Amino acid sequence: MKKIYYFSIFIVLTTFISCDSKNVKKESTTESKSNKKPILTSSISDKGFLGKYVGVEYVIKHGKKFDLAHRFSNKATDIIGKHLKKSYEKGEYLKVDFKNTKITTSGLDLKGNVEFVIEMPFVKVAKCEAFTGIDHCGTWVNQNNEKLDTRLNEKLQNLTTLSVGETDKAYFQTEQGYKEYWIQFKHENYQTLCK
């Protein structure tokens, strides 16, 4: 009787440990995929900006999706804005050449990794034709243009407190659903004489 009892306990424990170890393996595989760090590269000079993000497209926090890849636009904006201001202070007057700007996405399907590339050339211009600020607004996934236009109008309204003179804007869209406006402006801290 004791042998059957011990044997039964052994079977139950073995089954429990076996099932539990399968779950641990699955969890660690999932964690290793999500723990891969994105690759972010960028370079900038008076000729332009080139940046690339390769990594997870989004993360879920508190039940909401956050477009992690799209935040690369924020990083690019910061880098470009700082460069335009530094160049202006040195007497090198630049603006982004939106006509020759290229923005590409691949793998944009809200499932895994994505590649997001921003290539923005600069052109040298006269002092009051330069821009010392840049911003963007848009959507990472396919949303209707009405929402995007509303965001653009809000952004332009907010920029009136930071900018002087005219702004310059351009619209970009990739086949995969990235839609964004990029806006360059004359920052009031640098170009008050260029109203």
N, C-alpha and C. Protein backbone atom coordinates (compact mmCIF):
# COMPACT_ATOMS: atom_id res chain seq x y z
N MET A 1 0.82 -1.20 0.00
CA MET A 1 0.00 0.00 0.00
C MET A 1 0.85 1.25 0.00
N LYS A 2 1.94 1.27 0.83
CA LYS A 2 2.83 2.41 0.90
C LYS A 2 3.51 2.64 -0.45
N LYS A 3 3.88 1.51 -1.12
CA LYS A 3 4.54 1.64 -2.42
C LYS A 3 3.62 2.33 -3.44
N ILE A 4 2.36 1.94 -3.46
CA ILE A 4 1.40 2.55 -4.39
C ILE A 4 1.21 4.02 -4.05
N TYR A 5 1.13 4.34 -2.78
CA TYR A 5 0.95 5.72 -2.32
C TYR A 5 2.14 6.59 -2.76
N TYR A 6 3.38 6.10 -2.47
CA TYR A 6 4.58 6.86 -2.85
C TYR A 6 4.70 6.99 -4.37
N PHE A 7 4.34 5.89 -5.07
CA PHE A 7 4.40 5.92 -6.53
C PHE A 7 3.41 6.96 -7.09
N SER A 8 2.22 7.04 -6.52
CA SER A 8 1.22 8.03 -6.94
C SER A 8 1.73 9.44 -6.72
N ILE A 9 2.34 9.70 -5.57
CA ILE A 9 2.90 11.03 -5.28
C ILE A 9 4.01 11.35 -6.29
N PHE A 10 4.86 10.36 -6.59
CA PHE A 10 5.94 10.55 -7.55
C PHE A 10 5.38 10.95 -8.93
N ILE A 11 4.33 10.26 -9.39
CA ILE A 11 3.72 10.55 -10.69
C ILE A 11 3.15 11.97 -10.70
N VAL A 12 2.44 12.34 -9.65
CA VAL A 12 1.83 13.68 -9.57
C VAL A 12 2.91 14.75 -9.59
N LEU A 13 3.97 14.58 -8.79
CA LEU A 13 5.07 15.56 -8.75
C LEU A 13 5.79 15.65 -10.08
N THR A 14 6.06 14.52 -10.70
CA THR A 14 6.75 14.51 -11.99
C THR A 14 5.92 15.24 -13.04
N THR A 15 4.63 14.98 -13.06
CA THR A 15 3.74 15.65 -14.01
C THR A 15 3.72 17.15 -13.75
N PHE A 16 3.62 17.53 -12.49
CA PHE A 16 3.57 18.96 -12.12
C PHE A 16 4.87 19.67 -12.52
N ILE A 17 6.01 19.05 -12.21
CA ILE A 17 7.31 19.66 -12.54
C ILE A 17 7.49 19.73 -14.05
N SER A 18 7.08 18.67 -14.75
CA SER A 18 7.21 18.66 -16.20
C SER A 18 6.38 19.76 -16.85
N CYS A 19 5.13 19.92 -16.42
CA CYS A 19 4.27 20.98 -16.96
C CYS A 19 4.81 22.35 -16.62
N ASP A 20 5.30 22.48 -15.40
CA ASP A 20 5.82 23.78 -14.96
C ASP A 20 7.07 24.16 -15.74
N SER A 21 7.95 23.20 -16.02
CA SER A 21 9.17 23.53 -16.75
C SER A 21 8.86 23.92 -18.19
N LYS A 22 7.80 23.33 -18.78
CA LYS A 22 7.39 23.75 -20.12
C LYS A 22 6.96 25.20 -20.13
N ASN A 23 6.23 25.60 -19.11
CA ASN A 23 5.78 26.99 -19.01
C ASN A 23 6.95 27.94 -18.82
N VAL A 24 7.94 27.53 -18.05
CA VAL A 24 9.11 28.38 -17.83
C VAL A 24 9.84 28.60 -19.15
N LYS A 25 10.00 27.53 -19.93
CA LYS A 25 10.68 27.67 -21.22
C LYS A 25 9.94 28.64 -22.13
N LYS A 26 8.62 28.53 -22.17
CA LYS A 26 7.84 29.43 -23.02
C LYS A 26 7.99 30.87 -22.58
N GLU A 27 7.96 31.09 -21.28
CA GLU A 27 8.09 32.46 -20.78
C GLU A 27 9.46 33.04 -21.10
N SER A 28 10.51 32.23 -20.91
CA SER A 28 11.85 32.77 -21.16
C SER A 28 12.06 33.07 -22.63
N THR A 29 11.46 32.26 -23.52
CA THR A 29 11.56 32.53 -24.95
C THR A 29 10.89 33.86 -25.28
N THR A 30 9.70 34.08 -24.71
CA THR A 30 8.98 35.32 -24.94
C THR A 30 9.77 36.51 -24.42
N GLU A 31 10.35 36.34 -23.23
CA GLU A 31 11.14 37.44 -22.65
C GLU A 31 12.35 37.76 -23.51
N SER A 32 13.04 36.71 -24.02
CA SER A 32 14.24 36.98 -24.80
C SER A 32 13.91 37.75 -26.07
N LYS A 33 12.73 37.48 -26.67
CA LYS A 33 12.34 38.24 -27.85
C LYS A 33 12.10 39.70 -27.51
N SER A 34 11.40 39.95 -26.39
CA SER A 34 11.06 41.32 -26.05
C SER A 34 12.24 42.08 -25.47
N ASN A 35 13.26 41.35 -24.99
CA ASN A 35 14.41 42.03 -24.40
C ASN A 35 15.46 42.42 -25.43
N LYS A 36 15.27 42.06 -26.69
CA LYS A 36 16.23 42.48 -27.71
C LYS A 36 16.20 44.00 -27.81
N LYS A 37 17.36 44.59 -27.66
CA LYS A 37 17.40 46.05 -27.70
C LYS A 37 17.34 46.54 -29.14
N PRO A 38 16.57 47.61 -29.36
CA PRO A 38 16.51 48.18 -30.70
C PRO A 38 17.87 48.76 -31.10
N ILE A 39 18.12 48.79 -32.39
CA ILE A 39 19.34 49.40 -32.92
C ILE A 39 18.96 50.77 -33.46
N LEU A 40 19.64 51.77 -32.95
CA LEU A 40 19.35 53.15 -33.33
C LEU A 40 20.65 53.78 -33.81
N THR A 41 20.68 54.22 -35.06
CA THR A 41 21.88 54.87 -35.58
C THR A 41 21.49 56.21 -36.18
N SER A 42 22.39 57.17 -36.05
CA SER A 42 22.14 58.47 -36.68
C SER A 42 23.45 59.19 -36.93
N SER A 43 23.44 60.01 -37.96
CA SER A 43 24.58 60.88 -38.24
C SER A 43 24.03 62.20 -38.75
N ILE A 44 24.77 63.27 -38.45
CA ILE A 44 24.31 64.59 -38.88
C ILE A 44 25.52 65.46 -39.20
N SER A 45 25.36 66.28 -40.21
CA SER A 45 26.38 67.26 -40.60
C SER A 45 25.65 68.41 -41.28
N ASP A 46 26.39 69.38 -41.80
CA ASP A 46 25.74 70.48 -42.51
C ASP A 46 25.12 70.03 -43.84
N LYS A 47 25.40 68.78 -44.23
CA LYS A 47 24.79 68.24 -45.44
C LYS A 47 23.44 67.59 -45.16
N GLY A 48 23.21 67.15 -43.90
CA GLY A 48 21.92 66.56 -43.59
C GLY A 48 21.95 65.56 -42.46
N PHE A 49 20.80 64.94 -42.25
CA PHE A 49 20.60 63.96 -41.20
C PHE A 49 20.24 62.63 -41.82
N LEU A 50 20.83 61.55 -41.29
CA LEU A 50 20.47 60.20 -41.68
C LEU A 50 20.31 59.38 -40.41
N GLY A 51 19.13 58.81 -40.22
CA GLY A 51 18.89 58.02 -39.02
C GLY A 51 18.11 56.77 -39.34
N LYS A 52 18.36 55.73 -38.53
CA LYS A 52 17.67 54.46 -38.74
C LYS A 52 17.34 53.83 -37.39
N TYR A 53 16.12 53.33 -37.29
CA TYR A 53 15.68 52.56 -36.13
C TYR A 53 15.33 51.17 -36.61
N VAL A 54 15.89 50.14 -35.96
CA VAL A 54 15.53 48.76 -36.24
C VAL A 54 15.23 48.10 -34.90
N GLY A 55 14.01 47.63 -34.75
CA GLY A 55 13.63 46.99 -33.49
C GLY A 55 12.14 46.78 -33.40
N VAL A 56 11.70 46.53 -32.16
CA VAL A 56 10.28 46.25 -31.95
C VAL A 56 9.45 47.46 -32.36
N GLU A 57 8.30 47.17 -32.92
CA GLU A 57 7.44 48.24 -33.41
C GLU A 57 6.68 48.92 -32.28
N TYR A 58 6.22 48.11 -31.33
CA TYR A 58 5.45 48.69 -30.23
C TYR A 58 5.64 47.86 -28.97
N VAL A 59 5.29 48.43 -27.83
CA VAL A 59 5.25 47.72 -26.56
C VAL A 59 3.87 47.93 -25.96
N ILE A 60 3.48 46.99 -25.12
CA ILE A 60 2.19 47.13 -24.42
C ILE A 60 2.47 47.42 -22.96
N LYS A 61 1.94 48.53 -22.49
CA LYS A 61 2.06 48.91 -21.08
C LYS A 61 0.67 49.26 -20.57
N HIS A 62 0.32 48.65 -19.47
CA HIS A 62 -0.98 48.90 -18.84
C HIS A 62 -2.13 48.69 -19.84
N GLY A 63 -1.97 47.68 -20.70
CA GLY A 63 -3.03 47.34 -21.64
C GLY A 63 -3.13 48.23 -22.87
N LYS A 64 -2.19 49.19 -23.01
CA LYS A 64 -2.22 50.09 -24.17
C LYS A 64 -0.98 49.87 -25.02
N LYS A 65 -1.15 50.02 -26.35
CA LYS A 65 -0.03 49.92 -27.27
C LYS A 65 0.67 51.27 -27.37
N PHE A 66 2.00 51.24 -27.29
CA PHE A 66 2.81 52.44 -27.48
C PHE A 66 3.71 52.21 -28.68
N ASP A 67 3.62 53.10 -29.65
CA ASP A 67 4.41 52.98 -30.87
C ASP A 67 5.85 53.35 -30.58
N LEU A 68 6.62 52.35 -30.17
CA LEU A 68 8.00 52.58 -29.77
C LEU A 68 8.84 53.06 -30.95
N ALA A 69 8.66 52.44 -32.11
CA ALA A 69 9.44 52.80 -33.30
C ALA A 69 9.16 54.24 -33.72
N HIS A 70 7.91 54.66 -33.61
CA HIS A 70 7.53 56.01 -34.03
C HIS A 70 8.22 57.08 -33.19
N ARG A 71 8.63 56.71 -31.99
CA ARG A 71 9.31 57.68 -31.13
C ARG A 71 10.68 58.07 -31.68
N PHE A 72 11.14 57.32 -32.67
CA PHE A 72 12.38 57.70 -33.34
C PHE A 72 12.25 59.07 -33.99
N SER A 73 11.04 59.42 -34.42
CA SER A 73 10.80 60.76 -34.96
C SER A 73 11.13 61.83 -33.92
N ASN A 74 10.79 61.56 -32.66
CA ASN A 74 11.11 62.52 -31.58
C ASN A 74 12.62 62.68 -31.44
N LYS A 75 13.33 61.56 -31.49
CA LYS A 75 14.80 61.59 -31.37
C LYS A 75 15.40 62.37 -32.54
N ALA A 76 14.91 62.09 -33.75
CA ALA A 76 15.41 62.79 -34.94
C ALA A 76 15.15 64.29 -34.83
N THR A 77 13.96 64.65 -34.36
CA THR A 77 13.60 66.06 -34.18
C THR A 77 14.58 66.76 -33.24
N ASP A 78 14.89 66.09 -32.15
CA ASP A 78 15.81 66.66 -31.16
C ASP A 78 17.21 66.88 -31.76
N ILE A 79 17.72 65.86 -32.45
CA ILE A 79 19.05 65.94 -33.05
C ILE A 79 19.11 67.04 -34.11
N ILE A 80 18.12 67.04 -35.00
CA ILE A 80 18.10 68.02 -36.10
C ILE A 80 17.95 69.44 -35.56
N GLY A 81 17.03 69.63 -34.61
CA GLY A 81 16.81 70.96 -34.04
C GLY A 81 18.07 71.53 -33.40
N LYS A 82 18.78 70.71 -32.64
CA LYS A 82 20.02 71.16 -32.00
C LYS A 82 21.06 71.55 -33.05
N HIS A 83 21.15 70.75 -34.11
CA HIS A 83 22.15 71.04 -35.15
C HIS A 83 21.82 72.34 -35.89
N LEU A 84 20.55 72.54 -36.21
CA LEU A 84 20.16 73.77 -36.91
C LEU A 84 20.49 75.01 -36.06
N LYS A 85 20.26 74.92 -34.77
CA LYS A 85 20.56 76.05 -33.87
C LYS A 85 22.06 76.29 -33.77
N LYS A 86 22.85 75.22 -33.60
CA LYS A 86 24.31 75.37 -33.51
C LYS A 86 24.88 75.97 -34.78
N SER A 87 24.40 75.46 -35.91
CA SER A 87 24.88 75.97 -37.20
C SER A 87 24.55 77.45 -37.35
N TYR A 88 23.36 77.82 -36.96
CA TYR A 88 22.93 79.22 -37.05
C TYR A 88 23.83 80.12 -36.21
N GLU A 89 24.15 79.68 -35.01
CA GLU A 89 25.02 80.46 -34.12
C GLU A 89 26.42 80.63 -34.71
N LYS A 90 26.87 79.66 -35.52
CA LYS A 90 28.19 79.72 -36.16
C LYS A 90 28.17 80.49 -37.47
N GLY A 91 26.99 80.94 -37.88
CA GLY A 91 26.90 81.67 -39.14
C GLY A 91 26.69 80.78 -40.35
N GLU A 92 26.36 79.51 -40.12
CA GLU A 92 26.02 78.57 -41.19
C GLU A 92 24.50 78.46 -41.19
N TYR A 93 23.85 79.03 -42.18
CA TYR A 93 22.39 79.11 -42.18
C TYR A 93 21.81 77.99 -43.03
N LEU A 94 21.01 77.13 -42.36
CA LEU A 94 20.51 75.92 -43.00
C LEU A 94 19.00 75.81 -42.91
N LYS A 95 18.46 75.00 -43.80
CA LYS A 95 17.08 74.55 -43.66
C LYS A 95 17.01 73.13 -44.20
N VAL A 96 15.99 72.40 -43.76
CA VAL A 96 15.79 71.04 -44.25
C VAL A 96 15.22 71.11 -45.66
N ASP A 97 15.77 70.31 -46.54
CA ASP A 97 15.29 70.21 -47.92
C ASP A 97 14.19 69.15 -47.96
N PHE A 98 12.96 69.58 -47.67
CA PHE A 98 11.85 68.64 -47.61
C PHE A 98 11.59 67.96 -48.96
N LYS A 99 11.87 68.66 -50.06
CA LYS A 99 11.59 68.07 -51.39
C LYS A 99 12.43 66.82 -51.64
N ASN A 100 13.61 66.77 -51.06
CA ASN A 100 14.49 65.61 -51.26
C ASN A 100 14.59 64.73 -50.01
N THR A 101 13.73 64.94 -49.06
CA THR A 101 13.69 64.10 -47.86
C THR A 101 13.07 62.75 -48.20
N LYS A 102 13.65 61.69 -47.64
CA LYS A 102 13.13 60.34 -47.85
C LYS A 102 12.85 59.70 -46.49
N ILE A 103 11.65 59.20 -46.33
CA ILE A 103 11.28 58.48 -45.11
C ILE A 103 10.71 57.14 -45.55
N THR A 104 11.29 56.05 -45.03
CA THR A 104 10.85 54.71 -45.42
C THR A 104 10.58 53.86 -44.18
N THR A 105 9.66 52.93 -44.33
CA THR A 105 9.38 51.95 -43.30
C THR A 105 9.31 50.58 -43.96
N SER A 106 9.71 49.56 -43.23
CA SER A 106 9.49 48.18 -43.68
C SER A 106 9.19 47.33 -42.45
N GLY A 107 8.34 46.34 -42.64
CA GLY A 107 7.93 45.47 -41.54
C GLY A 107 6.87 46.09 -40.66
N LEU A 108 6.26 47.16 -41.11
CA LEU A 108 5.28 47.87 -40.29
C LEU A 108 3.94 47.13 -40.38
N ASP A 109 3.71 46.24 -39.40
CA ASP A 109 2.48 45.45 -39.41
C ASP A 109 1.92 45.24 -38.01
N LEU A 110 2.45 45.96 -37.03
CA LEU A 110 2.04 45.85 -35.63
C LEU A 110 2.21 44.44 -35.08
N LYS A 111 3.20 43.70 -35.61
CA LYS A 111 3.42 42.33 -35.14
C LYS A 111 4.81 42.11 -34.56
N GLY A 112 5.83 42.70 -35.15
CA GLY A 112 7.18 42.40 -34.69
C GLY A 112 8.11 43.56 -34.90
N ASN A 113 9.25 43.27 -35.52
CA ASN A 113 10.26 44.30 -35.74
C ASN A 113 9.96 45.14 -36.97
N VAL A 114 10.51 46.33 -36.95
CA VAL A 114 10.30 47.27 -38.04
C VAL A 114 11.62 47.99 -38.32
N GLU A 115 11.77 48.45 -39.55
CA GLU A 115 12.90 49.31 -39.90
C GLU A 115 12.32 50.66 -40.32
N PHE A 116 12.83 51.71 -39.72
CA PHE A 116 12.31 53.07 -39.93
C PHE A 116 13.50 53.96 -40.25
N VAL A 117 13.54 54.52 -41.45
CA VAL A 117 14.69 55.32 -41.90
C VAL A 117 14.23 56.74 -42.24
N ILE A 118 14.97 57.72 -41.72
CA ILE A 118 14.72 59.12 -42.03
C ILE A 118 15.98 59.71 -42.63
N GLU A 119 15.86 60.26 -43.83
CA GLU A 119 16.98 60.90 -44.52
C GLU A 119 16.56 62.31 -44.90
N MET A 120 17.15 63.30 -44.20
CA MET A 120 16.77 64.69 -44.43
C MET A 120 18.00 65.51 -44.82
N PRO A 121 18.12 65.85 -46.09
CA PRO A 121 19.24 66.71 -46.49
C PRO A 121 18.98 68.16 -46.08
N PHE A 122 20.06 68.91 -45.90
CA PHE A 122 19.98 70.34 -45.59
C PHE A 122 20.47 71.13 -46.79
N VAL A 123 19.99 72.37 -46.92
CA VAL A 123 20.52 73.29 -47.92
C VAL A 123 20.95 74.57 -47.21
N LYS A 124 22.02 75.18 -47.72
CA LYS A 124 22.48 76.45 -47.17
C LYS A 124 21.64 77.58 -47.76
N VAL A 125 21.26 78.51 -46.90
CA VAL A 125 20.38 79.60 -47.32
C VAL A 125 20.84 80.91 -46.67
N ALA A 126 20.20 82.01 -47.05
CA ALA A 126 20.47 83.30 -46.42
C ALA A 126 19.96 83.28 -44.97
N LYS A 127 20.48 84.17 -44.16
CA LYS A 127 20.22 84.18 -42.72
C LYS A 127 18.73 84.09 -42.39
N CYS A 128 17.91 84.93 -42.98
CA CYS A 128 16.49 84.95 -42.63
C CYS A 128 15.65 83.92 -43.38
N GLU A 129 16.30 83.12 -44.23
CA GLU A 129 15.61 81.99 -44.86
C GLU A 129 15.87 80.69 -44.10
N ALA A 130 16.78 80.76 -43.12
CA ALA A 130 17.14 79.58 -42.34
C ALA A 130 16.02 79.23 -41.37
N PHE A 131 16.05 77.99 -40.90
CA PHE A 131 15.13 77.54 -39.86
C PHE A 131 15.95 76.98 -38.70
N THR A 132 15.54 77.31 -37.49
CA THR A 132 16.29 76.87 -36.31
C THR A 132 15.45 75.94 -35.42
N GLY A 133 14.27 75.60 -35.87
CA GLY A 133 13.42 74.68 -35.11
C GLY A 133 12.74 73.70 -36.05
N ILE A 134 12.47 72.52 -35.53
CA ILE A 134 11.78 71.50 -36.33
C ILE A 134 10.87 70.70 -35.41
N ASP A 135 9.76 70.27 -35.96
CA ASP A 135 8.82 69.46 -35.19
C ASP A 135 8.09 68.53 -36.14
N HIS A 136 7.29 67.64 -35.59
CA HIS A 136 6.55 66.69 -36.42
C HIS A 136 5.25 66.32 -35.72
N CYS A 137 4.32 65.84 -36.48
CA CYS A 137 3.12 65.24 -35.91
C CYS A 137 2.58 64.25 -36.92
N GLY A 138 2.07 63.15 -36.42
CA GLY A 138 1.58 62.16 -37.36
C GLY A 138 1.02 60.94 -36.69
N THR A 139 1.00 59.88 -37.45
CA THR A 139 0.46 58.62 -36.96
C THR A 139 1.30 57.47 -37.50
N TRP A 140 1.46 56.47 -36.68
CA TRP A 140 2.26 55.31 -37.05
C TRP A 140 1.43 54.29 -37.80
N VAL A 141 0.19 54.16 -37.42
CA VAL A 141 -0.70 53.20 -38.08
C VAL A 141 -1.72 53.97 -38.90
N ASN A 142 -2.39 53.27 -39.76
CA ASN A 142 -3.36 53.93 -40.65
C ASN A 142 -4.51 54.54 -39.86
N GLN A 143 -4.48 55.83 -39.70
CA GLN A 143 -5.60 56.57 -39.14
C GLN A 143 -6.10 57.50 -40.23
N ASN A 144 -7.33 57.94 -40.09
CA ASN A 144 -7.85 58.79 -41.17
C ASN A 144 -7.16 60.15 -41.18
N ASN A 145 -7.16 60.77 -42.34
CA ASN A 145 -6.47 62.05 -42.53
C ASN A 145 -7.09 63.18 -41.72
N GLU A 146 -8.34 63.04 -41.37
CA GLU A 146 -9.00 64.08 -40.59
C GLU A 146 -8.33 64.23 -39.22
N LYS A 147 -8.02 63.08 -38.58
CA LYS A 147 -7.33 63.12 -37.28
C LYS A 147 -5.94 63.74 -37.42
N LEU A 148 -5.27 63.37 -38.49
CA LEU A 148 -3.93 63.90 -38.73
C LEU A 148 -3.97 65.40 -38.98
N ASP A 149 -4.94 65.87 -39.75
CA ASP A 149 -5.06 67.30 -40.01
C ASP A 149 -5.39 68.08 -38.73
N THR A 150 -6.20 67.48 -37.87
CA THR A 150 -6.51 68.10 -36.58
C THR A 150 -5.24 68.24 -35.74
N ARG A 151 -4.43 67.16 -35.72
CA ARG A 151 -3.15 67.22 -34.99
C ARG A 151 -2.24 68.29 -35.56
N LEU A 152 -2.18 68.37 -36.88
CA LEU A 152 -1.33 69.38 -37.53
C LEU A 152 -1.77 70.79 -37.12
N ASN A 153 -3.06 71.06 -37.17
CA ASN A 153 -3.55 72.39 -36.80
C ASN A 153 -3.24 72.73 -35.34
N GLU A 154 -3.37 71.73 -34.46
CA GLU A 154 -3.03 71.94 -33.05
C GLU A 154 -1.54 72.23 -32.90
N LYS A 155 -0.73 71.48 -33.62
CA LYS A 155 0.73 71.66 -33.55
C LYS A 155 1.12 73.05 -34.05
N LEU A 156 0.57 73.45 -35.17
CA LEU A 156 0.87 74.78 -35.72
C LEU A 156 0.42 75.89 -34.76
N GLN A 157 -0.71 75.68 -34.13
CA GLN A 157 -1.20 76.66 -33.15
C GLN A 157 -0.23 76.76 -31.97
N ASN A 158 0.23 75.61 -31.47
CA ASN A 158 1.19 75.59 -30.36
C ASN A 158 2.52 76.22 -30.74
N LEU A 159 2.92 76.06 -31.99
CA LEU A 159 4.21 76.61 -32.43
C LEU A 159 4.20 78.14 -32.52
N THR A 160 3.02 78.75 -32.55
CA THR A 160 2.98 80.21 -32.64
C THR A 160 3.64 80.88 -31.41
N THR A 161 3.72 80.16 -30.30
CA THR A 161 4.37 80.73 -29.11
C THR A 161 5.89 80.59 -29.18
N LEU A 162 6.40 79.73 -30.07
CA LEU A 162 7.85 79.50 -30.19
C LEU A 162 8.47 80.08 -31.45
N SER A 163 7.63 80.36 -32.44
CA SER A 163 8.20 80.70 -33.74
C SER A 163 7.87 82.13 -34.16
N VAL A 164 8.71 82.62 -35.07
CA VAL A 164 8.48 83.93 -35.69
C VAL A 164 8.47 83.73 -37.20
N GLY A 165 7.73 84.53 -37.91
CA GLY A 165 7.70 84.41 -39.36
C GLY A 165 6.95 83.17 -39.84
N GLU A 166 7.17 82.84 -41.08
CA GLU A 166 6.48 81.71 -41.71
C GLU A 166 7.10 80.37 -41.32
N THR A 167 6.26 79.35 -41.29
CA THR A 167 6.75 77.99 -41.11
C THR A 167 6.78 77.30 -42.47
N ASP A 168 7.47 76.17 -42.53
CA ASP A 168 7.52 75.36 -43.74
C ASP A 168 7.13 73.95 -43.33
N LYS A 169 6.19 73.35 -44.04
CA LYS A 169 5.77 72.00 -43.66
C LYS A 169 5.73 71.09 -44.88
N ALA A 170 5.85 69.79 -44.61
CA ALA A 170 5.79 68.79 -45.68
C ALA A 170 5.11 67.54 -45.14
N TYR A 171 4.39 66.86 -46.01
CA TYR A 171 3.65 65.65 -45.66
C TYR A 171 4.38 64.43 -46.25
N PHE A 172 4.50 63.39 -45.44
CA PHE A 172 5.15 62.15 -45.89
C PHE A 172 4.24 60.97 -45.56
N GLN A 173 4.21 60.00 -46.47
CA GLN A 173 3.43 58.79 -46.25
C GLN A 173 4.16 57.62 -46.89
N THR A 174 4.24 56.50 -46.16
CA THR A 174 4.80 55.29 -46.75
C THR A 174 3.66 54.35 -47.09
N GLU A 175 3.96 53.35 -47.91
CA GLU A 175 2.95 52.39 -48.34
C GLU A 175 2.36 51.63 -47.16
N GLN A 176 3.11 51.55 -46.07
CA GLN A 176 2.68 50.73 -44.94
C GLN A 176 1.85 51.48 -43.90
N GLY A 177 1.55 52.73 -44.14
CA GLY A 177 0.64 53.41 -43.22
C GLY A 177 1.23 54.49 -42.36
N TYR A 178 2.56 54.69 -42.44
CA TYR A 178 3.16 55.82 -41.73
C TYR A 178 2.70 57.10 -42.43
N LYS A 179 2.16 58.04 -41.65
CA LYS A 179 1.76 59.35 -42.19
C LYS A 179 2.25 60.39 -41.21
N GLU A 180 2.92 61.40 -41.72
CA GLU A 180 3.45 62.41 -40.81
C GLU A 180 3.70 63.73 -41.51
N TYR A 181 3.45 64.79 -40.77
CA TYR A 181 3.85 66.13 -41.20
C TYR A 181 5.12 66.48 -40.45
N TRP A 182 6.06 67.06 -41.18
CA TRP A 182 7.25 67.64 -40.57
C TRP A 182 7.17 69.15 -40.79
N ILE A 183 7.52 69.90 -39.77
CA ILE A 183 7.39 71.36 -39.78
C ILE A 183 8.71 71.97 -39.35
N GLN A 184 9.23 72.90 -40.13
CA GLN A 184 10.40 73.66 -39.68
C GLN A 184 9.98 75.12 -39.50
N PHE A 185 10.60 75.74 -38.50
CA PHE A 185 10.19 77.09 -38.14
C PHE A 185 11.38 77.90 -37.65
N LYS A 186 11.18 79.20 -37.59
CA LYS A 186 12.21 80.12 -37.08
C LYS A 186 11.99 80.27 -35.58
N HIS A 187 12.91 79.76 -34.80
CA HIS A 187 12.76 79.77 -33.34
C HIS A 187 12.96 81.19 -32.82
N GLU A 188 12.03 81.64 -31.99
CA GLU A 188 12.07 83.03 -31.51
C GLU A 188 13.32 83.35 -30.70
N ASN A 189 13.94 82.36 -30.07
CA ASN A 189 15.16 82.62 -29.29
C ASN A 189 16.38 82.88 -30.18
N TYR A 190 16.26 82.57 -31.45
CA TYR A 190 17.39 82.72 -32.37
C TYR A 190 17.13 83.70 -33.49
N GLN A 191 15.88 83.85 -33.92
CA GLN A 191 15.61 84.58 -35.14
C GLN A 191 14.56 85.68 -34.99
N THR A 192 14.57 86.39 -33.88
CA THR A 192 13.57 87.45 -33.68
C THR A 192 13.68 88.55 -34.71
N LEU A 193 14.85 88.74 -35.29
CA LEU A 193 15.05 89.78 -36.30
C LEU A 193 14.53 89.36 -37.67
N CYS A 194 14.09 88.11 -37.79
CA CYS A 194 13.64 87.59 -39.09
C CYS A 194 12.13 87.49 -39.17
N LYS A 195 11.42 88.35 -38.48
CA LYS A 195 9.94 88.30 -38.50
C LYS A 195 9.43 88.70 -39.86
